[in-house]
Amino acid sequence: MDKEKLIGTWKFKSMKVETEKGEVIYPYGENLFGMLIYTPSGHMSVLLMNPEREKFASDDPLGGTTDEIKSAYGGFDAYCGTYSVDEEKGTVTHHVEGSKFPNWIGTNQVRYFEFSDNKLLLYATLKIKGEQWKFEGILKHL
């Protein structure tokens, strides 16, 4: 059963995006850090970041300049909530309760998934900058 195979902690090995124009980008860098956790109780949490984001000049986490904050925000994503699986459709739906991006709170984020060579592959199409961007994540179970 695929739902049971999802449970646990997964580490992102890659996250790439293909734009409508065919451009391939790595929104969190080619050496991203990220984890996705699915619990047996139906909760989930995901964190993605570019580990090469520039540090703030100040050690005060609230003391960044506007440019520092914008750069840090752009290279980071996180949200959490609950999840449900539709094995027939091959989807996992993240029911978002908390998110870095406030517009996602209270929404359902659908991800297509499959397993291949002991890896979890996640796919989503999201509207970004007025275009449909295709996201592909490759994760390894820890």
C-alpha atoms as a PDB file:
ATOM      1  CA  MET A   1       0.000   0.000   0.000  1.00  0.00           C
ATOM      2  CA  ASP A   2       1.515   3.327  -1.095  1.00  0.00           C
ATOM      3  CA  LYS A   3       0.192   5.302   1.885  1.00  0.00           C
ATOM      4  CA  GLU A   4       2.304   3.278   4.303  1.00  0.00           C
ATOM      5  CA  LYS A   5       5.360   3.702   2.063  1.00  0.00           C
ATOM      6  CA  LEU A   6       5.040   7.491   2.379  1.00  0.00           C
ATOM      7  CA  ILE A   7       5.293   7.464   6.182  1.00  0.00           C
ATOM      8  CA  GLY A   8       8.614   8.617   7.592  1.00  0.00           C
ATOM      9  CA  THR A   9      11.252  11.247   7.008  1.00  0.00           C
ATOM     10  CA  TRP A  10      12.401  12.006   3.481  1.00  0.00           C
ATOM     11  CA  LYS A  11      15.381  14.108   2.442  1.00  0.00           C
ATOM     12  CA  PHE A  12      15.267  16.073  -0.798  1.00  0.00           C
ATOM     13  CA  LYS A  13      17.989  15.075  -3.255  1.00  0.00           C
ATOM     14  CA  SER A  14      16.814  17.558  -5.879  1.00  0.00           C
ATOM     15  CA  MET A  15      14.032  19.982  -6.742  1.00  0.00           C
ATOM     16  CA  LYS A  16      13.808  21.324 -10.243  1.00  0.00           C
ATOM     17  CA  VAL A  17      11.240  23.359 -12.102  1.00  0.00           C
ATOM     18  CA  GLU A  18      10.429  23.560 -15.783  1.00  0.00           C
ATOM     19  CA  THR A  19       8.766  26.798 -16.867  1.00  0.00           C
ATOM     20  CA  GLU A  20       6.251  27.093 -19.709  1.00  0.00           C
ATOM     21  CA  LYS A  21       9.126  28.365 -21.861  1.00  0.00           C
ATOM     22  CA  GLY A  22      11.101  25.161 -21.217  1.00  0.00           C
ATOM     23  CA  GLU A  23      13.633  26.810 -18.922  1.00  0.00           C
ATOM     24  CA  VAL A  24      14.895  24.531 -16.124  1.00  0.00           C
ATOM     25  CA  ILE A  25      15.626  26.204 -12.808  1.00  0.00           C
ATOM     26  CA  TYR A  26      16.563  25.044  -9.325  1.00  0.00           C
ATOM     27  CA  PRO A  27      14.623  27.355  -6.969  1.00  0.00           C
ATOM     28  CA  TYR A  28      16.603  26.260  -3.905  1.00  0.00           C
ATOM     29  CA  GLY A  29      19.922  25.780  -5.680  1.00  0.00           C
ATOM     30  CA  GLU A  30      21.388  22.593  -7.082  1.00  0.00           C
ATOM     31  CA  ASN A  31      22.617  21.584  -3.609  1.00  0.00           C
ATOM     32  CA  LEU A  32      19.383  22.242  -1.746  1.00  0.00           C
ATOM     33  CA  PHE A  33      18.605  21.093   1.764  1.00  0.00           C
ATOM     34  CA  GLY A  34      15.109  19.900   2.472  1.00  0.00           C
ATOM     35  CA  MET A  35      13.050  17.415   4.425  1.00  0.00           C
ATOM     36  CA  LEU A  36       9.510  16.124   4.142  1.00  0.00           C
ATOM     37  CA  ILE A  37       7.914  14.255   7.031  1.00  0.00           C
ATOM     38  CA  TYR A  38       4.741  12.166   6.923  1.00  0.00           C
ATOM     39  CA  THR A  39       3.541  10.775  10.275  1.00  0.00           C
ATOM     40  CA  PRO A  40       1.334   7.715  10.819  1.00  0.00           C
ATOM     41  CA  SER A  41      -1.248  10.041  12.455  1.00  0.00           C
ATOM     42  CA  GLY A  42      -1.716  11.933   9.172  1.00  0.00           C
ATOM     43  CA  HIS A  43       0.430  15.001   9.802  1.00  0.00           C
ATOM     44  CA  MET A  44       3.054  16.385   7.456  1.00  0.00           C
ATOM     45  CA  SER A  45       5.764  19.013   7.407  1.00  0.00           C
ATOM     46  CA  VAL A  46       8.109  20.188   4.667  1.00  0.00           C
ATOM     47  CA  LEU A  47      11.112  22.499   4.662  1.00  0.00           C
ATOM     48  CA  LEU A  48      13.140  23.483   1.595  1.00  0.00           C
ATOM     49  CA  MET A  49      16.055  25.887   1.481  1.00  0.00           C
ATOM     50  CA  ASN A  50      19.060  26.986  -0.467  1.00  0.00           C
ATOM     51  CA  PRO A  51      21.923  26.329   1.985  1.00  0.00           C
ATOM     52  CA  GLU A  52      24.019  28.933   0.159  1.00  0.00           C
ATOM     53  CA  ARG A  53      21.697  31.826   1.034  1.00  0.00           C
ATOM     54  CA  GLU A  54      23.660  34.873   2.119  1.00  0.00           C
ATOM     55  CA  LYS A  55      23.850  35.424   5.830  1.00  0.00           C
ATOM     56  CA  PHE A  56      22.573  38.629   7.399  1.00  0.00           C
ATOM     57  CA  ALA A  57      25.241  41.158   8.353  1.00  0.00           C
ATOM     58  CA  SER A  58      23.740  41.127  11.866  1.00  0.00           C
ATOM     59  CA  ASP A  59      23.311  38.101  14.134  1.00  0.00           C
ATOM     60  CA  ASP A  60      19.906  39.497  15.107  1.00  0.00           C
ATOM     61  CA  PRO A  61      17.300  37.316  13.307  1.00  0.00           C
ATOM     62  CA  LEU A  62      14.970  40.326  13.145  1.00  0.00           C
ATOM     63  CA  GLY A  63      17.731  42.758  12.171  1.00  0.00           C
ATOM     64  CA  GLY A  64      18.072  42.034   8.460  1.00  0.00           C
ATOM     65  CA  THR A  65      17.922  44.708   5.824  1.00  0.00           C
ATOM     66  CA  THR A  66      15.071  44.678   3.311  1.00  0.00           C
ATOM     67  CA  ASP A  67      17.371  43.097   0.697  1.00  0.00           C
ATOM     68  CA  GLU A  68      18.630  40.461   3.160  1.00  0.00           C
ATOM     69  CA  ILE A  69      15.094  39.519   4.162  1.00  0.00           C
ATOM     70  CA  LYS A  70      13.939  39.353   0.518  1.00  0.00           C
ATOM     71  CA  SER A  71      16.876  37.110  -0.409  1.00  0.00           C
ATOM     72  CA  ALA A  72      16.346  34.821   2.590  1.00  0.00           C
ATOM     73  CA  TYR A  73      12.602  34.556   1.877  1.00  0.00           C
ATOM     74  CA  GLY A  74      13.176  33.654  -1.774  1.00  0.00           C
ATOM     75  CA  GLY A  75      15.515  30.775  -0.995  1.00  0.00           C
ATOM     76  CA  PHE A  76      13.325  29.159   1.646  1.00  0.00           C
ATOM     77  CA  ASP A  77       9.958  27.454   1.900  1.00  0.00           C
ATOM     78  CA  ALA A  78       8.153  25.628   4.680  1.00  0.00           C
ATOM     79  CA  TYR A  79       4.643  24.526   5.473  1.00  0.00           C
ATOM     80  CA  CYS A  80       2.836  21.951   7.591  1.00  0.00           C
ATOM     81  CA  GLY A  81      -0.557  20.444   8.215  1.00  0.00           C
ATOM     82  CA  THR A  82      -2.233  17.127   7.543  1.00  0.00           C
ATOM     83  CA  TYR A  83      -2.269  14.926   4.460  1.00  0.00           C
ATOM     84  CA  SER A  84      -4.485  12.463   2.643  1.00  0.00           C
ATOM     85  CA  VAL A  85      -3.620   9.951  -0.063  1.00  0.00           C
ATOM     86  CA  ASP A  86      -5.612   8.928  -3.130  1.00  0.00           C
ATOM     87  CA  GLU A  87      -3.837   5.774  -4.246  1.00  0.00           C
ATOM     88  CA  GLU A  88      -6.025   5.400  -7.325  1.00  0.00           C
ATOM     89  CA  LYS A  89      -5.008   8.846  -8.618  1.00  0.00           C
ATOM     90  CA  GLY A  90      -1.455   8.590  -7.262  1.00  0.00           C
ATOM     91  CA  THR A  91      -1.798  11.819  -5.299  1.00  0.00           C
ATOM     92  CA  VAL A  92      -0.985  13.029  -1.828  1.00  0.00           C
ATOM     93  CA  THR A  93      -2.831  16.170  -0.773  1.00  0.00           C
ATOM     94  CA  HIS A  94      -1.240  18.475   1.773  1.00  0.00           C
ATOM     95  CA  HIS A  95      -3.950  20.245   3.805  1.00  0.00           C
ATOM     96  CA  VAL A  96      -1.957  23.340   4.766  1.00  0.00           C
ATOM     97  CA  GLU A  97      -2.419  24.723   8.288  1.00  0.00           C
ATOM     98  CA  GLY A  98       0.750  26.818   8.547  1.00  0.00           C
ATOM     99  CA  SER A  99       2.990  28.183   5.791  1.00  0.00           C
ATOM    100  CA  LYS A 100       5.742  30.665   5.019  1.00  0.00           C
ATOM    101  CA  PHE A 101       3.474  31.793   2.174  1.00  0.00           C
ATOM    102  CA  PRO A 102       0.320  33.030   3.939  1.00  0.00           C
ATOM    103  CA  ASN A 103      -1.897  32.495   0.880  1.00  0.00           C
ATOM    104  CA  TRP A 104      -1.462  28.715   1.209  1.00  0.00           C
ATOM    105  CA  ILE A 105      -2.908  28.541   4.735  1.00  0.00           C
ATOM    106  CA  GLY A 106      -6.226  26.712   4.545  1.00  0.00           C
ATOM    107  CA  THR A 107      -5.569  25.379   1.030  1.00  0.00           C
ATOM    108  CA  ASN A 108      -5.058  21.883  -0.338  1.00  0.00           C
ATOM    109  CA  GLN A 109      -1.808  21.378  -2.229  1.00  0.00           C
ATOM    110  CA  VAL A 110      -1.980  18.299  -4.466  1.00  0.00           C
ATOM    111  CA  ARG A 111       1.202  16.421  -5.322  1.00  0.00           C
ATOM    112  CA  TYR A 112       1.451  13.456  -7.672  1.00  0.00           C
ATOM    113  CA  PHE A 113       3.802  10.798  -6.381  1.00  0.00           C
ATOM    114  CA  GLU A 114       5.502   7.591  -7.380  1.00  0.00           C
ATOM    115  CA  PHE A 115       8.247   5.397  -6.046  1.00  0.00           C
ATOM    116  CA  SER A 116      11.290   4.512  -8.131  1.00  0.00           C
ATOM    117  CA  ASP A 117      14.599   2.910  -7.120  1.00  0.00           C
ATOM    118  CA  ASN A 118      13.926   3.447  -3.381  1.00  0.00           C
ATOM    119  CA  LYS A 119      13.179   7.125  -3.999  1.00  0.00           C
ATOM    120  CA  LEU A 120      10.014   9.173  -3.740  1.00  0.00           C
ATOM    121  CA  LEU A 121       9.218  11.321  -6.761  1.00  0.00           C
ATOM    122  CA  LEU A 122       6.825  14.235  -6.248  1.00  0.00           C
ATOM    123  CA  TYR A 123       5.296  16.306  -9.041  1.00  0.00           C
ATOM    124  CA  ALA A 124       3.185  19.448  -8.977  1.00  0.00           C
ATOM    125  CA  THR A 125       2.132  22.181 -11.363  1.00  0.00           C
ATOM    126  CA  LEU A 126       1.839  25.614  -9.762  1.00  0.00           C
ATOM    127  CA  LYS A 127       1.046  29.038 -11.144  1.00  0.00           C
ATOM    128  CA  ILE A 128       4.178  31.151 -10.668  1.00  0.00           C
ATOM    129  CA  LYS A 129       4.711  34.581 -12.227  1.00  0.00           C
ATOM    130  CA  GLY A 130       1.616  34.069 -14.377  1.00  0.00           C
ATOM    131  CA  GLU A 131       2.888  30.780 -15.857  1.00  0.00           C
ATOM    132  CA  GLN A 132       2.322  27.109 -15.131  1.00  0.00           C
ATOM    133  CA  TRP A 133       5.559  25.766 -13.650  1.00  0.00           C
ATOM    134  CA  LYS A 134       6.161  22.013 -13.349  1.00  0.00           C
ATOM    135  CA  PHE A 135       7.938  21.025 -10.142  1.00  0.00           C
ATOM    136  CA  GLU A 136       9.753  17.719  -9.699  1.00  0.00           C
ATOM    137  CA  GLY A 137      11.210  16.647  -6.366  1.00  0.00           C
ATOM    138  CA  ILE A 138      13.342  13.582  -5.767  1.00  0.00           C
ATOM    139  CA  LEU A 139      13.571  12.401  -2.157  1.00  0.00           C
ATOM    140  CA  LYS A 140      15.336   9.599  -0.313  1.00  0.00           C
ATOM    141  CA  HIS A 141      13.888   7.888   2.764  1.00  0.00           C
ATOM    142  CA  LEU A 142      16.002   8.347   5.887  1.00  0.00           C
END
